[in-house]
């Protein structure tokens, strides 16, 4: 695989394993799957030369940009290990990273773009910031809402969506896909003005 001319890394956060596939914390993986489906590419693991990356990824051309779509195969709290390895492997700076993730602080199905900033308590983001030593990367946030009552947020994010919630989340995945494409095509500032409207 040639490493030349790669413009962006789009990394969707989640946990590996079929038992986590449709859980709230795996929205990032689901967005990467939808992107790959829409762009007609396959996301694969690439051993042995790149096995240290611990991710499934594929390469696709979006307009004038060569883009890597990736799903880290570390568990969520170790996402930074995989993403740092991917950036190093493709010789990309954190400024060319787009991270897609679930967000407890947004209402269910709301999609927002954010450039830099803190973690909001998201441990996957925390791991990325620790490993990259910067928070200056772009995020596409997908709201999952707060857990009801006194339910532990750590357990809430590992539960699947209800059927009724899927009616909201499925189109939100499409909006997140469109937001990623807008960042790549237009730049983050224009994409934010389009997708962060009330």
C-alpha atoms as a PDB file:
ATOM      1  CA  UNK A   1       0.000   0.000   0.000  1.00  0.00           C
ATOM      2  CA  UNK A   2       1.508   3.324  -1.057  1.00  0.00           C
ATOM      3  CA  UNK A   3       1.674   5.888   1.732  1.00  0.00           C
ATOM      4  CA  UNK A   4       1.959   8.886  -0.566  1.00  0.00           C
ATOM      5  CA  UNK A   5      -0.692  11.599  -0.827  1.00  0.00           C
ATOM      6  CA  UNK A   6      -2.902  10.486   2.067  1.00  0.00           C
ATOM      7  CA  UNK A   7      -4.838  13.567   3.110  1.00  0.00           C
ATOM      8  CA  UNK A   8      -7.060  12.503   6.018  1.00  0.00           C
ATOM      9  CA  UNK A   9      -7.562   9.768   8.565  1.00  0.00           C
ATOM     10  CA  UNK A  10     -11.195   9.259   9.581  1.00  0.00           C
ATOM     11  CA  UNK A  11     -11.335   7.079  12.695  1.00  0.00           C
ATOM     12  CA  UNK A  12     -14.616   5.830  14.127  1.00  0.00           C
ATOM     13  CA  UNK A  13     -14.387   4.874  17.790  1.00  0.00           C
ATOM     14  CA  UNK A  14     -15.855   1.687  19.214  1.00  0.00           C
ATOM     15  CA  UNK A  15     -15.115  -1.647  20.813  1.00  0.00           C
ATOM     16  CA  UNK A  16     -14.118  -4.805  18.913  1.00  0.00           C
ATOM     17  CA  UNK A  17     -16.311  -7.892  18.980  1.00  0.00           C
ATOM     18  CA  UNK A  18     -19.784  -8.782  17.774  1.00  0.00           C
ATOM     19  CA  UNK A  19     -21.265  -8.322  21.258  1.00  0.00           C
ATOM     20  CA  UNK A  20     -20.530  -4.577  21.069  1.00  0.00           C
ATOM     21  CA  UNK A  21     -21.475  -3.991  17.443  1.00  0.00           C
ATOM     22  CA  UNK A  22     -24.819  -2.220  17.914  1.00  0.00           C
ATOM     23  CA  UNK A  23     -24.149  -0.567  21.267  1.00  0.00           C
ATOM     24  CA  UNK A  24     -24.191   3.181  21.884  1.00  0.00           C
ATOM     25  CA  UNK A  25     -20.414   3.297  22.301  1.00  0.00           C
ATOM     26  CA  UNK A  26     -19.902   1.831  18.815  1.00  0.00           C
ATOM     27  CA  UNK A  27     -21.491   4.630  16.829  1.00  0.00           C
ATOM     28  CA  UNK A  28     -18.084   5.580  15.436  1.00  0.00           C
ATOM     29  CA  UNK A  29     -17.615   2.092  13.980  1.00  0.00           C
ATOM     30  CA  UNK A  30     -21.115   2.184  12.521  1.00  0.00           C
ATOM     31  CA  UNK A  31     -20.409   5.495  10.777  1.00  0.00           C
ATOM     32  CA  UNK A  32     -17.217   4.083   9.232  1.00  0.00           C
ATOM     33  CA  UNK A  33     -19.193   1.041   8.042  1.00  0.00           C
ATOM     34  CA  UNK A  34     -21.828   3.314   6.456  1.00  0.00           C
ATOM     35  CA  UNK A  35     -19.143   5.479   4.842  1.00  0.00           C
ATOM     36  CA  UNK A  36     -17.423   2.413   3.417  1.00  0.00           C
ATOM     37  CA  UNK A  37     -20.738   1.073   2.105  1.00  0.00           C
ATOM     38  CA  UNK A  38     -21.619   4.395   0.463  1.00  0.00           C
ATOM     39  CA  UNK A  39     -18.156   4.715  -1.089  1.00  0.00           C
ATOM     40  CA  UNK A  40     -18.095   1.036  -2.132  1.00  0.00           C
ATOM     41  CA  UNK A  41     -14.872   0.081  -0.351  1.00  0.00           C
ATOM     42  CA  UNK A  42     -13.972  -2.710   2.051  1.00  0.00           C
ATOM     43  CA  UNK A  43     -12.598  -2.124   5.534  1.00  0.00           C
ATOM     44  CA  UNK A  44     -10.052  -4.836   6.354  1.00  0.00           C
ATOM     45  CA  UNK A  45      -7.342  -5.673   8.838  1.00  0.00           C
ATOM     46  CA  UNK A  46      -3.903  -5.652   7.211  1.00  0.00           C
ATOM     47  CA  UNK A  47      -1.504  -8.121   8.911  1.00  0.00           C
ATOM     48  CA  UNK A  48       1.333  -8.732   9.275  1.00  0.00           C
ATOM     49  CA  UNK A  49       3.218  -5.601   8.179  1.00  0.00           C
ATOM     50  CA  UNK A  50       0.724  -3.233   9.793  1.00  0.00           C
ATOM     51  CA  UNK A  51      -0.567  -5.512  12.554  1.00  0.00           C
ATOM     52  CA  UNK A  52       0.923  -3.204  15.193  1.00  0.00           C
ATOM     53  CA  UNK A  53      -1.749  -0.675  14.223  1.00  0.00           C
ATOM     54  CA  UNK A  54      -4.553  -2.848  15.646  1.00  0.00           C
ATOM     55  CA  UNK A  55      -7.231  -1.473  13.340  1.00  0.00           C
ATOM     56  CA  UNK A  56      -9.325  -2.320  10.339  1.00  0.00           C
ATOM     57  CA  UNK A  57      -8.910   0.256   7.615  1.00  0.00           C
ATOM     58  CA  UNK A  58      -9.396   0.995   3.952  1.00  0.00           C
ATOM     59  CA  UNK A  59      -8.294   3.667   1.514  1.00  0.00           C
ATOM     60  CA  UNK A  60     -10.571   5.687  -0.754  1.00  0.00           C
ATOM     61  CA  UNK A  61     -10.385   8.791  -2.925  1.00  0.00           C
ATOM     62  CA  UNK A  62     -12.872  11.535  -2.024  1.00  0.00           C
ATOM     63  CA  UNK A  63     -12.713  14.271  -4.654  1.00  0.00           C
ATOM     64  CA  UNK A  64      -9.036  15.308  -4.612  1.00  0.00           C
ATOM     65  CA  UNK A  65      -8.158  13.713  -1.265  1.00  0.00           C
ATOM     66  CA  UNK A  66      -6.870  10.240  -0.460  1.00  0.00           C
ATOM     67  CA  UNK A  67      -8.608   9.217   2.764  1.00  0.00           C
ATOM     68  CA  UNK A  68      -8.078   6.376   5.228  1.00  0.00           C
ATOM     69  CA  UNK A  69     -11.234   5.067   6.946  1.00  0.00           C
ATOM     70  CA  UNK A  70     -10.363   3.199  10.129  1.00  0.00           C
ATOM     71  CA  UNK A  71     -11.958   1.303  13.001  1.00  0.00           C
ATOM     72  CA  UNK A  72      -9.546   0.861  15.938  1.00  0.00           C
ATOM     73  CA  UNK A  73      -9.573  -2.696  17.288  1.00  0.00           C
ATOM     74  CA  UNK A  74      -8.257  -1.702  20.681  1.00  0.00           C
ATOM     75  CA  UNK A  75     -10.962  -1.306  23.275  1.00  0.00           C
ATOM     76  CA  UNK A  76     -12.377   2.205  23.566  1.00  0.00           C
ATOM     77  CA  UNK A  77     -10.157   3.268  26.462  1.00  0.00           C
ATOM     78  CA  UNK A  78      -7.036   2.438  24.403  1.00  0.00           C
ATOM     79  CA  UNK A  79      -8.150   4.133  21.170  1.00  0.00           C
ATOM     80  CA  UNK A  80      -5.143   6.444  21.211  1.00  0.00           C
ATOM     81  CA  UNK A  81      -2.715   3.555  20.738  1.00  0.00           C
ATOM     82  CA  UNK A  82      -4.269   2.567  17.423  1.00  0.00           C
ATOM     83  CA  UNK A  83      -4.845   6.099  16.153  1.00  0.00           C
ATOM     84  CA  UNK A  84      -1.276   7.197  16.957  1.00  0.00           C
ATOM     85  CA  UNK A  85       0.020   4.149  15.060  1.00  0.00           C
ATOM     86  CA  UNK A  86      -2.226   4.952  12.076  1.00  0.00           C
ATOM     87  CA  UNK A  87      -1.088   8.583  11.936  1.00  0.00           C
ATOM     88  CA  UNK A  88       2.551   7.503  12.115  1.00  0.00           C
ATOM     89  CA  UNK A  89       2.079   4.778   9.488  1.00  0.00           C
ATOM     90  CA  UNK A  90       0.491   7.196   7.002  1.00  0.00           C
ATOM     91  CA  UNK A  91       2.719  10.139   7.984  1.00  0.00           C
ATOM     92  CA  UNK A  92      -0.207  12.352   8.975  1.00  0.00           C
ATOM     93  CA  UNK A  93      -0.385  15.093  11.592  1.00  0.00           C
ATOM     94  CA  UNK A  94      -3.247  15.256  14.136  1.00  0.00           C
ATOM     95  CA  UNK A  95      -4.634  18.236  12.192  1.00  0.00           C
ATOM     96  CA  UNK A  96      -5.597  15.727   9.452  1.00  0.00           C
ATOM     97  CA  UNK A  97      -7.482  13.478  11.870  1.00  0.00           C
ATOM     98  CA  UNK A  98     -11.288  13.285  12.055  1.00  0.00           C
ATOM     99  CA  UNK A  99     -12.595  11.259  15.005  1.00  0.00           C
ATOM    100  CA  UNK A 100     -16.230  10.074  14.986  1.00  0.00           C
ATOM    101  CA  UNK A 101     -17.690   9.196  18.387  1.00  0.00           C
ATOM    102  CA  UNK A 102     -20.772   8.931  20.562  1.00  0.00           C
ATOM    103  CA  UNK A 103     -21.530  11.801  22.952  1.00  0.00           C
ATOM    104  CA  UNK A 104     -23.526  11.654  26.180  1.00  0.00           C
ATOM    105  CA  UNK A 105     -23.877  15.436  26.318  1.00  0.00           C
ATOM    106  CA  UNK A 106     -25.833  15.745  23.070  1.00  0.00           C
ATOM    107  CA  UNK A 107     -29.489  14.740  22.700  1.00  0.00           C
ATOM    108  CA  UNK A 108     -30.159  11.470  20.918  1.00  0.00           C
ATOM    109  CA  UNK A 109     -29.406  11.730  17.214  1.00  0.00           C
ATOM    110  CA  UNK A 110     -27.940  15.244  17.211  1.00  0.00           C
ATOM    111  CA  UNK A 111     -24.752  15.529  15.117  1.00  0.00           C
ATOM    112  CA  UNK A 112     -22.181  18.239  15.771  1.00  0.00           C
ATOM    113  CA  UNK A 113     -18.680  18.993  14.482  1.00  0.00           C
ATOM    114  CA  UNK A 114     -16.049  20.203  16.924  1.00  0.00           C
ATOM    115  CA  UNK A 115     -12.497  21.397  16.281  1.00  0.00           C
ATOM    116  CA  UNK A 116     -10.212  20.656  19.236  1.00  0.00           C
ATOM    117  CA  UNK A 117     -11.221  20.916  22.882  1.00  0.00           C
ATOM    118  CA  UNK A 118     -11.579  18.616  25.836  1.00  0.00           C
ATOM    119  CA  UNK A 119     -12.930  15.112  26.248  1.00  0.00           C
ATOM    120  CA  UNK A 120     -16.308  15.678  27.913  1.00  0.00           C
ATOM    121  CA  UNK A 121     -15.458  12.598  29.972  1.00  0.00           C
ATOM    122  CA  UNK A 122     -15.143  10.394  26.869  1.00  0.00           C
ATOM    123  CA  UNK A 123     -12.339   7.955  27.615  1.00  0.00           C
ATOM    124  CA  UNK A 124     -11.651   7.179  23.972  1.00  0.00           C
ATOM    125  CA  UNK A 125     -10.986  10.867  23.323  1.00  0.00           C
ATOM    126  CA  UNK A 126      -8.898  11.012  26.486  1.00  0.00           C
ATOM    127  CA  UNK A 127      -6.706   8.174  25.246  1.00  0.00           C
ATOM    128  CA  UNK A 128      -6.227   9.882  21.884  1.00  0.00           C
ATOM    129  CA  UNK A 129      -5.200  13.171  23.508  1.00  0.00           C
ATOM    130  CA  UNK A 130      -2.713  11.389  25.795  1.00  0.00           C
ATOM    131  CA  UNK A 131      -1.071   9.512  22.910  1.00  0.00           C
ATOM    132  CA  UNK A 132      -1.043  12.413  20.443  1.00  0.00           C
ATOM    133  CA  UNK A 133      -0.100  14.964  23.119  1.00  0.00           C
ATOM    134  CA  UNK A 134      -2.594  17.378  21.591  1.00  0.00           C
ATOM    135  CA  UNK A 135      -6.344  17.942  21.436  1.00  0.00           C
ATOM    136  CA  UNK A 136      -6.101  19.730  18.080  1.00  0.00           C
ATOM    137  CA  UNK A 137      -8.041  17.311  15.905  1.00  0.00           C
ATOM    138  CA  UNK A 138     -11.565  17.395  14.500  1.00  0.00           C
ATOM    139  CA  UNK A 139     -14.447  15.459  16.031  1.00  0.00           C
ATOM    140  CA  UNK A 140     -17.836  14.459  14.660  1.00  0.00           C
ATOM    141  CA  UNK A 141     -20.041  13.950  17.707  1.00  0.00           C
ATOM    142  CA  UNK A 142     -23.259  11.924  17.652  1.00  0.00           C
ATOM    143  CA  UNK A 143     -25.629  12.377  20.559  1.00  0.00           C
ATOM    144  CA  UNK A 144     -26.781   9.382  22.561  1.00  0.00           C
ATOM    145  CA  UNK A 145     -28.355  11.365  25.412  1.00  0.00           C
ATOM    146  CA  UNK A 146     -27.900  10.842  29.119  1.00  0.00           C
ATOM    147  CA  UNK A 147     -28.882   7.547  30.812  1.00  0.00           C
ATOM    148  CA  UNK A 148     -32.286   7.520  32.496  1.00  0.00           C
ATOM    149  CA  UNK A 149     -32.516   7.811  36.267  1.00  0.00           C
ATOM    150  CA  UNK A 150     -29.389   6.792  38.121  1.00  0.00           C
ATOM    151  CA  UNK A 151     -28.130   4.312  35.553  1.00  0.00           C
ATOM    152  CA  UNK A 152     -24.338   4.138  35.395  1.00  0.00           C
ATOM    153  CA  UNK A 153     -23.163   5.925  32.203  1.00  0.00           C
ATOM    154  CA  UNK A 154     -20.412   3.291  31.784  1.00  0.00           C
ATOM    155  CA  UNK A 155     -23.087   0.579  31.524  1.00  0.00           C
ATOM    156  CA  UNK A 156     -25.460   2.747  29.488  1.00  0.00           C
ATOM    157  CA  UNK A 157     -22.975   3.260  26.642  1.00  0.00           C
ATOM    158  CA  UNK A 158     -22.403  -0.512  26.373  1.00  0.00           C
ATOM    159  CA  UNK A 159     -26.110  -1.254  25.897  1.00  0.00           C
ATOM    160  CA  UNK A 160     -27.770  -1.437  22.472  1.00  0.00           C
ATOM    161  CA  UNK A 161     -30.256   1.124  21.229  1.00  0.00           C
ATOM    162  CA  UNK A 162     -33.946   0.312  21.504  1.00  0.00           C
ATOM    163  CA  UNK A 163     -35.939  -0.190  18.311  1.00  0.00           C
ATOM    164  CA  UNK A 164     -37.532   3.238  18.726  1.00  0.00           C
ATOM    165  CA  UNK A 165     -34.114   4.840  19.264  1.00  0.00           C
ATOM    166  CA  UNK A 166     -32.833   3.197  16.068  1.00  0.00           C
ATOM    167  CA  UNK A 167     -35.455   5.177  14.150  1.00  0.00           C
ATOM    168  CA  UNK A 168     -33.544   8.297  15.286  1.00  0.00           C
ATOM    169  CA  UNK A 169     -29.993   6.930  15.209  1.00  0.00           C
ATOM    170  CA  UNK A 170     -30.085   5.478  11.699  1.00  0.00           C
ATOM    171  CA  UNK A 171     -30.612   8.850   9.991  1.00  0.00           C
ATOM    172  CA  UNK A 172     -28.114  10.372  12.449  1.00  0.00           C
ATOM    173  CA  UNK A 173     -25.498   7.966  11.095  1.00  0.00           C
ATOM    174  CA  UNK A 174     -26.256   9.301   7.610  1.00  0.00           C
ATOM    175  CA  UNK A 175     -25.871  12.889   8.869  1.00  0.00           C
ATOM    176  CA  UNK A 176     -22.546  11.999  10.469  1.00  0.00           C
ATOM    177  CA  UNK A 177     -21.382  10.486   7.169  1.00  0.00           C
ATOM    178  CA  UNK A 178     -22.387  13.707   5.392  1.00  0.00           C
ATOM    179  CA  UNK A 179     -20.578  15.770   8.047  1.00  0.00           C
ATOM    180  CA  UNK A 180     -17.343  13.802   7.522  1.00  0.00           C
ATOM    181  CA  UNK A 181     -17.569  14.315   3.770  1.00  0.00           C
ATOM    182  CA  UNK A 182     -18.246  18.036   4.272  1.00  0.00           C
ATOM    183  CA  UNK A 183     -15.110  18.422   6.418  1.00  0.00           C
ATOM    184  CA  UNK A 184     -12.996  16.733   3.762  1.00  0.00           C
ATOM    185  CA  UNK A 185     -14.523  18.673   0.862  1.00  0.00           C
ATOM    186  CA  UNK A 186     -15.111  22.106   2.390  1.00  0.00           C
ATOM    187  CA  UNK A 187     -12.856  22.343   5.448  1.00  0.00           C
ATOM    188  CA  UNK A 188     -13.860  22.245   9.080  1.00  0.00           C
ATOM    189  CA  UNK A 189     -15.021  25.871   9.455  1.00  0.00           C
ATOM    190  CA  UNK A 190     -17.549  25.721   6.609  1.00  0.00           C
ATOM    191  CA  UNK A 191     -18.666  22.248   7.675  1.00  0.00           C
ATOM    192  CA  UNK A 192     -19.247  23.486  11.244  1.00  0.00           C
ATOM    193  CA  UNK A 193     -21.337  26.400  10.004  1.00  0.00           C
ATOM    194  CA  UNK A 194     -23.489  23.971   8.028  1.00  0.00           C
ATOM    195  CA  UNK A 195     -23.885  21.160  10.589  1.00  0.00           C
ATOM    196  CA  UNK A 196     -23.835  23.020  13.910  1.00  0.00           C
ATOM    197  CA  UNK A 197     -26.949  25.048  13.330  1.00  0.00           C
ATOM    198  CA  UNK A 198     -29.576  24.832  16.059  1.00  0.00           C
END
